[in-house]
Amino acid sequence: LSDCSEQDPEQCEIYLVEGDSAGGTAKMGRDRKFQAILPLRGKILNVEKALEHKIYDNEEIKNLFTALGVSIEEKDGDRVLNIDKLRYHKIVIMCDADIDGSHIVTLILTFFFRYMTPLVQNGYVYIASPPLYQVRKGKQFIYCWSEEERINAIKNYTGGSEEVTGSIKVQRYKGLGEMNADQLWETTMDPETRILKRVTIENDMGADHTFSVLMGDEVPPRRAFIESHAKYANIDV
């Protein structure tokens, strides 16, 4: 954990970042006063398939509990999450804008939904939105978060054509580690310009069912879900 200097939880943010490469870039690009960085090594345990004692013994999950300042306590025979000493009121999941990154976001969300539900219910959990592309012409450039924005950026530089000419360069950000610290700050971490998506639970039973289908042991329901939603998928080839 690379902590921040601010002590007031309401002012503090922690970024859960995939891997040491992205973690290093985030540490260089952050505002050290209020932004902490916790790199996660590899994919976090899929808690939907793991035995409970394995979950609490997992190193990355133990690191999460320690960094956040929360703890599991026994209350009336049940295990409950004590968030009285929560150190950050913004917990930001920041992963690569690709399929692997989306999978890691889902694994982390599964863990928060199953074992740190009060953090979600109180509005403390967010997902960062790194850009997919940078379209550049000379010293001018535009960041793009979708295919539509990429096409519009190219048209902006070509006067209406979607064709990429020699003077226009399109960089696809496959990972946060491909961005330099300034780029990561200005697109994804700067409170003035970033896009953060707050995680909410609108339907407890619906969310419970979806996590069970997508992350559980049963393959047929997951296959059916994928087939029925395939038309909405944005495949990154």
C-alpha atoms as a PDB file:
ATOM      1  CA  LEU A   1       0.000   0.000   0.000  1.00  0.00           C
ATOM      2  CA  SER A   2       1.198   3.475  -0.940  1.00  0.00           C
ATOM      3  CA  ASP A   3      -0.869   5.534   1.460  1.00  0.00           C
ATOM      4  CA  CYS A   4      -1.940   9.168   1.270  1.00  0.00           C
ATOM      5  CA  SER A   5      -1.049  11.872   3.791  1.00  0.00           C
ATOM      6  CA  GLU A   6      -4.634  12.984   4.506  1.00  0.00           C
ATOM      7  CA  GLN A   7      -6.211  11.353   7.568  1.00  0.00           C
ATOM      8  CA  ASP A   8      -9.877  12.316   7.119  1.00  0.00           C
ATOM      9  CA  PRO A   9     -11.648   9.303   5.498  1.00  0.00           C
ATOM     10  CA  GLU A  10     -14.160  11.597   3.790  1.00  0.00           C
ATOM     11  CA  GLN A  11     -11.303  13.226   1.882  1.00  0.00           C
ATOM     12  CA  CYS A  12      -9.361  10.022   1.131  1.00  0.00           C
ATOM     13  CA  GLU A  13      -9.457   7.716  -1.881  1.00  0.00           C
ATOM     14  CA  ILE A  14      -7.860   4.337  -2.457  1.00  0.00           C
ATOM     15  CA  TYR A  15      -7.303   2.890  -5.917  1.00  0.00           C
ATOM     16  CA  LEU A  16      -7.299  -0.891  -6.287  1.00  0.00           C
ATOM     17  CA  VAL A  17      -5.031  -1.373  -9.269  1.00  0.00           C
ATOM     18  CA  GLU A  18      -4.282  -4.452 -11.343  1.00  0.00           C
ATOM     19  CA  GLY A  19      -0.596  -5.431 -11.191  1.00  0.00           C
ATOM     20  CA  ASP A  20       2.695  -3.727 -10.404  1.00  0.00           C
ATOM     21  CA  SER A  21       3.057  -2.025 -13.801  1.00  0.00           C
ATOM     22  CA  ALA A  22      -0.219  -0.116 -13.564  1.00  0.00           C
ATOM     23  CA  GLY A  23       0.378   0.332  -9.838  1.00  0.00           C
ATOM     24  CA  GLY A  24       3.712   2.023 -10.533  1.00  0.00           C
ATOM     25  CA  THR A  25       2.151   4.401 -13.055  1.00  0.00           C
ATOM     26  CA  ALA A  26      -0.709   5.194 -10.660  1.00  0.00           C
ATOM     27  CA  LYS A  27       1.717   5.905  -7.810  1.00  0.00           C
ATOM     28  CA  MET A  28       3.615   8.388  -9.992  1.00  0.00           C
ATOM     29  CA  GLY A  29       0.473  10.047 -11.355  1.00  0.00           C
ATOM     30  CA  ARG A  30      -1.638  10.363  -8.197  1.00  0.00           C
ATOM     31  CA  ASP A  31      -2.073  13.246  -5.802  1.00  0.00           C
ATOM     32  CA  ARG A  32      -0.269  11.894  -2.727  1.00  0.00           C
ATOM     33  CA  LYS A  33      -2.254  14.136  -0.390  1.00  0.00           C
ATOM     34  CA  PHE A  34      -5.548  12.227  -0.717  1.00  0.00           C
ATOM     35  CA  GLN A  35      -5.027   9.271  -3.113  1.00  0.00           C
ATOM     36  CA  ALA A  36      -3.673   5.902  -1.946  1.00  0.00           C
ATOM     37  CA  ILE A  37      -2.701   3.033  -4.272  1.00  0.00           C
ATOM     38  CA  LEU A  38      -3.023  -0.694  -3.560  1.00  0.00           C
ATOM     39  CA  PRO A  39      -1.701  -2.915  -6.382  1.00  0.00           C
ATOM     40  CA  LEU A  40      -3.366  -6.339  -6.575  1.00  0.00           C
ATOM     41  CA  ARG A  41      -1.060  -9.098  -7.765  1.00  0.00           C
ATOM     42  CA  GLY A  42      -2.839 -11.343 -10.250  1.00  0.00           C
ATOM     43  CA  LYS A  43      -6.540 -12.020 -10.300  1.00  0.00           C
ATOM     44  CA  ILE A  44      -8.252 -11.882  -6.930  1.00  0.00           C
ATOM     45  CA  LEU A  45      -9.831 -15.101  -5.673  1.00  0.00           C
ATOM     46  CA  ASN A  46     -13.276 -15.916  -7.079  1.00  0.00           C
ATOM     47  CA  VAL A  47     -15.150 -15.960  -3.770  1.00  0.00           C
ATOM     48  CA  GLU A  48     -18.247 -17.427  -5.412  1.00  0.00           C
ATOM     49  CA  LYS A  49     -16.424 -20.754  -5.834  1.00  0.00           C
ATOM     50  CA  ALA A  50     -14.092 -20.747  -2.801  1.00  0.00           C
ATOM     51  CA  LEU A  51     -14.626 -22.164   0.674  1.00  0.00           C
ATOM     52  CA  GLU A  52     -15.040 -19.473   3.335  1.00  0.00           C
ATOM     53  CA  HIS A  53     -11.838 -20.270   5.242  1.00  0.00           C
ATOM     54  CA  LYS A  54      -9.886 -20.076   1.966  1.00  0.00           C
ATOM     55  CA  ILE A  55     -11.271 -16.608   1.374  1.00  0.00           C
ATOM     56  CA  TYR A  56     -10.118 -15.203   4.711  1.00  0.00           C
ATOM     57  CA  ASP A  57      -6.714 -16.889   4.301  1.00  0.00           C
ATOM     58  CA  ASN A  58      -6.150 -15.388   0.842  1.00  0.00           C
ATOM     59  CA  GLU A  59      -3.249 -12.911   0.885  1.00  0.00           C
ATOM     60  CA  GLU A  60      -4.796 -10.324  -1.455  1.00  0.00           C
ATOM     61  CA  ILE A  61      -8.074 -10.346   0.488  1.00  0.00           C
ATOM     62  CA  LYS A  62      -6.229  -9.978   3.811  1.00  0.00           C
ATOM     63  CA  ASN A  63      -4.360  -7.027   2.292  1.00  0.00           C
ATOM     64  CA  LEU A  64      -7.698  -5.455   1.326  1.00  0.00           C
ATOM     65  CA  PHE A  65      -9.070  -5.737   4.863  1.00  0.00           C
ATOM     66  CA  THR A  66      -5.872  -4.244   6.314  1.00  0.00           C
ATOM     67  CA  ALA A  67      -5.647  -1.393   3.811  1.00  0.00           C
ATOM     68  CA  LEU A  68      -9.304  -0.396   4.162  1.00  0.00           C
ATOM     69  CA  GLY A  69      -9.251  -0.622   7.962  1.00  0.00           C
ATOM     70  CA  VAL A  70     -12.381  -2.794   8.147  1.00  0.00           C
ATOM     71  CA  SER A  71     -12.794  -6.080  10.012  1.00  0.00           C
ATOM     72  CA  ILE A  72     -15.106  -9.066  10.366  1.00  0.00           C
ATOM     73  CA  GLU A  73     -16.685  -9.449  13.804  1.00  0.00           C
ATOM     74  CA  GLU A  74     -19.026 -11.976  15.410  1.00  0.00           C
ATOM     75  CA  LYS A  75     -22.452 -10.553  16.288  1.00  0.00           C
ATOM     76  CA  ASP A  76     -25.336 -12.721  17.496  1.00  0.00           C
ATOM     77  CA  GLY A  77     -23.711 -15.747  15.923  1.00  0.00           C
ATOM     78  CA  ASP A  78     -23.241 -14.059  12.539  1.00  0.00           C
ATOM     79  CA  ARG A  79     -20.183 -12.572  10.892  1.00  0.00           C
ATOM     80  CA  VAL A  80     -20.652  -8.862  10.202  1.00  0.00           C
ATOM     81  CA  LEU A  81     -18.395  -6.232   8.647  1.00  0.00           C
ATOM     82  CA  ASN A  82     -17.317  -3.454  11.002  1.00  0.00           C
ATOM     83  CA  ILE A  83     -16.648  -0.304   8.951  1.00  0.00           C
ATOM     84  CA  ASP A  84     -16.237   2.092  11.899  1.00  0.00           C
ATOM     85  CA  LYS A  85     -12.523   2.464  11.110  1.00  0.00           C
ATOM     86  CA  LEU A  86     -12.875   2.631   7.314  1.00  0.00           C
ATOM     87  CA  ARG A  87      -9.978   4.779   6.118  1.00  0.00           C
ATOM     88  CA  TYR A  88     -11.290   5.815   2.674  1.00  0.00           C
ATOM     89  CA  HIS A  89     -14.736   6.942   1.561  1.00  0.00           C
ATOM     90  CA  LYS A  90     -13.878   6.408  -2.095  1.00  0.00           C
ATOM     91  CA  ILE A  91     -12.740   2.902  -2.990  1.00  0.00           C
ATOM     92  CA  VAL A  92     -11.954   2.985  -6.706  1.00  0.00           C
ATOM     93  CA  ILE A  93     -11.472  -0.191  -8.753  1.00  0.00           C
ATOM     94  CA  MET A  94      -9.125   0.784 -11.590  1.00  0.00           C
ATOM     95  CA  CYS A  95      -8.344  -1.954 -14.128  1.00  0.00           C
ATOM     96  CA  ASP A  96      -7.339  -2.159 -17.780  1.00  0.00           C
ATOM     97  CA  ALA A  97      -9.950  -1.263 -20.393  1.00  0.00           C
ATOM     98  CA  ASP A  98      -9.942  -4.762 -21.921  1.00  0.00           C
ATOM     99  CA  ILE A  99     -11.535  -8.170 -21.371  1.00  0.00           C
ATOM    100  CA  ASP A 100      -9.061  -9.216 -18.660  1.00  0.00           C
ATOM    101  CA  GLY A 101      -9.594  -5.921 -16.869  1.00  0.00           C
ATOM    102  CA  SER A 102     -13.365  -6.395 -16.965  1.00  0.00           C
ATOM    103  CA  HIS A 103     -12.958  -9.889 -15.508  1.00  0.00           C
ATOM    104  CA  ILE A 104     -10.865  -8.578 -12.626  1.00  0.00           C
ATOM    105  CA  VAL A 105     -13.428  -5.822 -11.953  1.00  0.00           C
ATOM    106  CA  THR A 106     -16.131  -8.522 -11.791  1.00  0.00           C
ATOM    107  CA  LEU A 107     -14.062 -10.643  -9.387  1.00  0.00           C
ATOM    108  CA  ILE A 108     -13.529  -7.650  -7.076  1.00  0.00           C
ATOM    109  CA  LEU A 109     -17.206  -6.678  -7.261  1.00  0.00           C
ATOM    110  CA  THR A 110     -18.183 -10.247  -6.401  1.00  0.00           C
ATOM    111  CA  PHE A 111     -16.009 -10.049  -3.294  1.00  0.00           C
ATOM    112  CA  PHE A 112     -17.449  -6.671  -2.251  1.00  0.00           C
ATOM    113  CA  PHE A 113     -21.037  -7.813  -2.837  1.00  0.00           C
ATOM    114  CA  ARG A 114     -20.587 -11.019  -0.830  1.00  0.00           C
ATOM    115  CA  TYR A 115     -18.251  -9.921   1.975  1.00  0.00           C
ATOM    116  CA  MET A 116     -18.187  -6.109   2.115  1.00  0.00           C
ATOM    117  CA  THR A 117     -21.801  -5.291   1.283  1.00  0.00           C
ATOM    118  CA  PRO A 118     -22.039  -2.254   3.652  1.00  0.00           C
ATOM    119  CA  LEU A 119     -19.316  -0.493   1.633  1.00  0.00           C
ATOM    120  CA  VAL A 120     -21.462  -0.774  -1.495  1.00  0.00           C
ATOM    121  CA  GLN A 121     -24.669   0.115   0.345  1.00  0.00           C
ATOM    122  CA  ASN A 122     -23.052   3.285   1.713  1.00  0.00           C
ATOM    123  CA  GLY A 123     -21.867   4.378  -1.721  1.00  0.00           C
ATOM    124  CA  TYR A 124     -18.142   3.991  -1.089  1.00  0.00           C
ATOM    125  CA  VAL A 125     -17.293   1.737  -4.069  1.00  0.00           C
ATOM    126  CA  TYR A 126     -16.542   3.130  -7.531  1.00  0.00           C
ATOM    127  CA  ILE A 127     -15.211   1.922 -10.875  1.00  0.00           C
ATOM    128  CA  ALA A 128     -12.714   4.083 -12.778  1.00  0.00           C
ATOM    129  CA  SER A 129     -13.137   4.681 -16.510  1.00  0.00           C
ATOM    130  CA  PRO A 130      -9.780   4.787 -18.322  1.00  0.00           C
ATOM    131  CA  PRO A 131      -9.942   5.789 -21.989  1.00  0.00           C
ATOM    132  CA  LEU A 132      -9.828   3.208 -24.770  1.00  0.00           C
ATOM    133  CA  TYR A 133      -7.985   5.350 -27.324  1.00  0.00           C
ATOM    134  CA  GLN A 134      -5.912   8.409 -27.955  1.00  0.00           C
ATOM    135  CA  VAL A 135      -6.308   9.941 -31.422  1.00  0.00           C
ATOM    136  CA  ARG A 136      -3.396  12.217 -32.265  1.00  0.00           C
ATOM    137  CA  LYS A 137      -2.532  14.598 -35.104  1.00  0.00           C
ATOM    138  CA  GLY A 138       0.796  16.290 -34.593  1.00  0.00           C
ATOM    139  CA  LYS A 139       0.789  17.821 -31.116  1.00  0.00           C
ATOM    140  CA  GLN A 140      -3.012  17.739 -30.866  1.00  0.00           C
ATOM    141  CA  PHE A 141      -4.780  14.749 -29.367  1.00  0.00           C
ATOM    142  CA  ILE A 142      -8.195  13.607 -28.159  1.00  0.00           C
ATOM    143  CA  TYR A 143      -8.934  10.842 -25.619  1.00  0.00           C
ATOM    144  CA  CYS A 144     -11.802   8.515 -26.477  1.00  0.00           C
ATOM    145  CA  TRP A 145     -13.882   6.260 -24.233  1.00  0.00           C
ATOM    146  CA  SER A 146     -15.878   4.525 -26.989  1.00  0.00           C
ATOM    147  CA  GLU A 147     -15.790   3.538 -30.651  1.00  0.00           C
ATOM    148  CA  GLU A 148     -18.156   6.393 -31.446  1.00  0.00           C
ATOM    149  CA  GLU A 149     -15.817   8.905 -29.806  1.00  0.00           C
ATOM    150  CA  ARG A 150     -12.844   7.422 -31.706  1.00  0.00           C
ATOM    151  CA  ILE A 151     -14.638   7.820 -35.044  1.00  0.00           C
ATOM    152  CA  ASN A 152     -15.712  11.369 -34.208  1.00  0.00           C
ATOM    153  CA  ALA A 153     -12.144  12.262 -33.191  1.00  0.00           C
ATOM    154  CA  ILE A 154     -10.807  10.993 -36.524  1.00  0.00           C
ATOM    155  CA  LYS A 155     -13.507  12.941 -38.382  1.00  0.00           C
ATOM    156  CA  ASN A 156     -12.517  16.027 -36.394  1.00  0.00           C
ATOM    157  CA  TYR A 157      -8.958  15.799 -37.716  1.00  0.00           C
ATOM    158  CA  THR A 158      -9.844  14.753 -41.289  1.00  0.00           C
ATOM    159  CA  GLY A 159     -12.714  17.137 -41.916  1.00  0.00           C
ATOM    160  CA  GLY A 160     -15.378  14.449 -41.910  1.00  0.00           C
ATOM    161  CA  SER A 161     -13.693  11.272 -43.149  1.00  0.00           C
ATOM    162  CA  GLU A 162     -13.445   8.117 -41.001  1.00  0.00           C
ATOM    163  CA  GLU A 163     -10.276   7.021 -42.809  1.00  0.00           C
ATOM    164  CA  VAL A 164      -7.049   7.182 -40.799  1.00  0.00           C
ATOM    165  CA  THR A 165      -4.430   9.003 -42.862  1.00  0.00           C
ATOM    166  CA  GLY A 166      -0.666   9.018 -42.336  1.00  0.00           C
ATOM    167  CA  SER A 167      -0.713  12.149 -40.194  1.00  0.00           C
ATOM    168  CA  ILE A 168      -3.222  10.688 -37.748  1.00  0.00           C
ATOM    169  CA  LYS A 169      -2.189   8.131 -35.140  1.00  0.00           C
ATOM    170  CA  VAL A 170      -4.637   6.037 -33.121  1.00  0.00           C
ATOM    171  CA  GLN A 171      -3.296   4.432 -29.957  1.00  0.00           C
ATOM    172  CA  ARG A 172      -5.351   1.670 -28.349  1.00  0.00           C
ATOM    173  CA  TYR A 173      -4.667   1.512 -24.612  1.00  0.00           C
ATOM    174  CA  LYS A 174      -4.515  -2.205 -23.867  1.00  0.00           C
ATOM    175  CA  GLY A 175      -3.463  -1.544 -20.286  1.00  0.00           C
ATOM    176  CA  LEU A 176      -2.989   1.233 -17.763  1.00  0.00           C
ATOM    177  CA  GLY A 177       0.732   0.488 -17.813  1.00  0.00           C
ATOM    178  CA  GLU A 178       0.846   1.726 -21.438  1.00  0.00           C
ATOM    179  CA  MET A 179      -0.124   5.203 -20.275  1.00  0.00           C
ATOM    180  CA  ASN A 180       2.369   7.543 -18.704  1.00  0.00           C
ATOM    181  CA  ALA A 181       1.660   9.028 -15.289  1.00  0.00           C
ATOM    182  CA  ASP A 182       0.430  12.368 -16.660  1.00  0.00           C
ATOM    183  CA  GLN A 183      -2.001  10.665 -19.037  1.00  0.00           C
ATOM    184  CA  LEU A 184      -3.403   8.433 -16.292  1.00  0.00           C
ATOM    185  CA  TRP A 185      -3.864  11.422 -14.012  1.00  0.00           C
ATOM    186  CA  GLU A 186      -5.599  13.685 -16.513  1.00  0.00           C
ATOM    187  CA  THR A 187      -7.935  10.997 -17.899  1.00  0.00           C
ATOM    188  CA  THR A 188      -8.698   8.703 -14.972  1.00  0.00           C
ATOM    189  CA  MET A 189      -7.575  10.102 -11.603  1.00  0.00           C
ATOM    190  CA  ASP A 190      -8.005  13.884 -11.691  1.00  0.00           C
ATOM    191  CA  PRO A 191     -11.263  14.740  -9.825  1.00  0.00           C
ATOM    192  CA  GLU A 192     -11.798  17.630 -12.240  1.00  0.00           C
ATOM    193  CA  THR A 193     -11.846  15.504 -15.408  1.00  0.00           C
ATOM    194  CA  ARG A 194     -12.230  11.797 -14.528  1.00  0.00           C
ATOM    195  CA  ILE A 195     -15.318   9.629 -14.924  1.00  0.00           C
ATOM    196  CA  LEU A 196     -16.164   7.525 -11.865  1.00  0.00           C
ATOM    197  CA  LYS A 197     -19.078   5.086 -11.795  1.00  0.00           C
ATOM    198  CA  ARG A 198     -20.559   4.559  -8.344  1.00  0.00           C
ATOM    199  CA  VAL A 199     -21.541   0.955  -7.639  1.00  0.00           C
ATOM    200  CA  THR A 200     -25.079   0.593  -6.301  1.00  0.00           C
ATOM    201  CA  ILE A 201     -27.374  -2.328  -5.503  1.00  0.00           C
ATOM    202  CA  GLU A 202     -30.846  -1.641  -6.883  1.00  0.00           C
ATOM    203  CA  ASN A 203     -32.143  -5.198  -6.468  1.00  0.00           C
ATOM    204  CA  ASP A 204     -30.557  -7.497  -3.864  1.00  0.00           C
ATOM    205  CA  MET A 205     -32.128 -10.677  -5.209  1.00  0.00           C
ATOM    206  CA  GLY A 206     -31.345  -9.799  -8.808  1.00  0.00           C
ATOM    207  CA  ALA A 207     -27.715  -9.047  -7.992  1.00  0.00           C
ATOM    208  CA  ASP A 208     -27.433 -12.237  -5.952  1.00  0.00           C
ATOM    209  CA  HIS A 209     -28.761 -14.283  -8.880  1.00  0.00           C
ATOM    210  CA  THR A 210     -26.472 -12.584 -11.421  1.00  0.00           C
ATOM    211  CA  PHE A 211     -23.316 -13.158  -9.377  1.00  0.00           C
ATOM    212  CA  SER A 212     -24.311 -16.786  -8.809  1.00  0.00           C
ATOM    213  CA  VAL A 213     -24.845 -17.335 -12.538  1.00  0.00           C
ATOM    214  CA  LEU A 214     -21.739 -15.533 -13.766  1.00  0.00           C
ATOM    215  CA  MET A 215     -19.233 -16.525 -11.101  1.00  0.00           C
ATOM    216  CA  GLY A 216     -20.572 -19.808  -9.665  1.00  0.00           C
ATOM    217  CA  ASP A 217     -19.835 -23.456 -10.448  1.00  0.00           C
ATOM    218  CA  GLU A 218     -22.820 -24.151 -12.695  1.00  0.00           C
ATOM    219  CA  VAL A 219     -21.822 -23.902 -16.372  1.00  0.00           C
ATOM    220  CA  PRO A 220     -25.211 -24.293 -18.197  1.00  0.00           C
ATOM    221  CA  PRO A 221     -26.834 -21.162 -16.635  1.00  0.00           C
ATOM    222  CA  ARG A 222     -23.720 -19.127 -17.454  1.00  0.00           C
ATOM    223  CA  ARG A 223     -23.711 -20.367 -21.049  1.00  0.00           C
ATOM    224  CA  ALA A 224     -27.400 -19.478 -21.397  1.00  0.00           C
ATOM    225  CA  PHE A 225     -26.743 -15.991 -19.951  1.00  0.00           C
ATOM    226  CA  ILE A 226     -23.850 -15.393 -22.370  1.00  0.00           C
ATOM    227  CA  GLU A 227     -25.847 -16.590 -25.373  1.00  0.00           C
ATOM    228  CA  SER A 228     -28.839 -14.412 -24.508  1.00  0.00           C
ATOM    229  CA  HIS A 229     -26.683 -11.296 -23.951  1.00  0.00           C
ATOM    230  CA  ALA A 230     -24.082 -11.839 -26.701  1.00  0.00           C
ATOM    231  CA  LYS A 231     -25.607  -9.160 -28.910  1.00  0.00           C
ATOM    232  CA  TYR A 232     -24.690  -6.545 -26.284  1.00  0.00           C
ATOM    233  CA  ALA A 233     -21.044  -7.613 -26.039  1.00  0.00           C
ATOM    234  CA  ASN A 234     -18.234  -5.318 -27.114  1.00  0.00           C
ATOM    235  CA  ILE A 235     -15.630  -7.816 -28.318  1.00  0.00           C
ATOM    236  CA  ASP A 236     -12.056  -6.550 -28.225  1.00  0.00           C
ATOM    237  CA  VAL A 237     -10.149  -8.398 -30.955  1.00  0.00           C
END
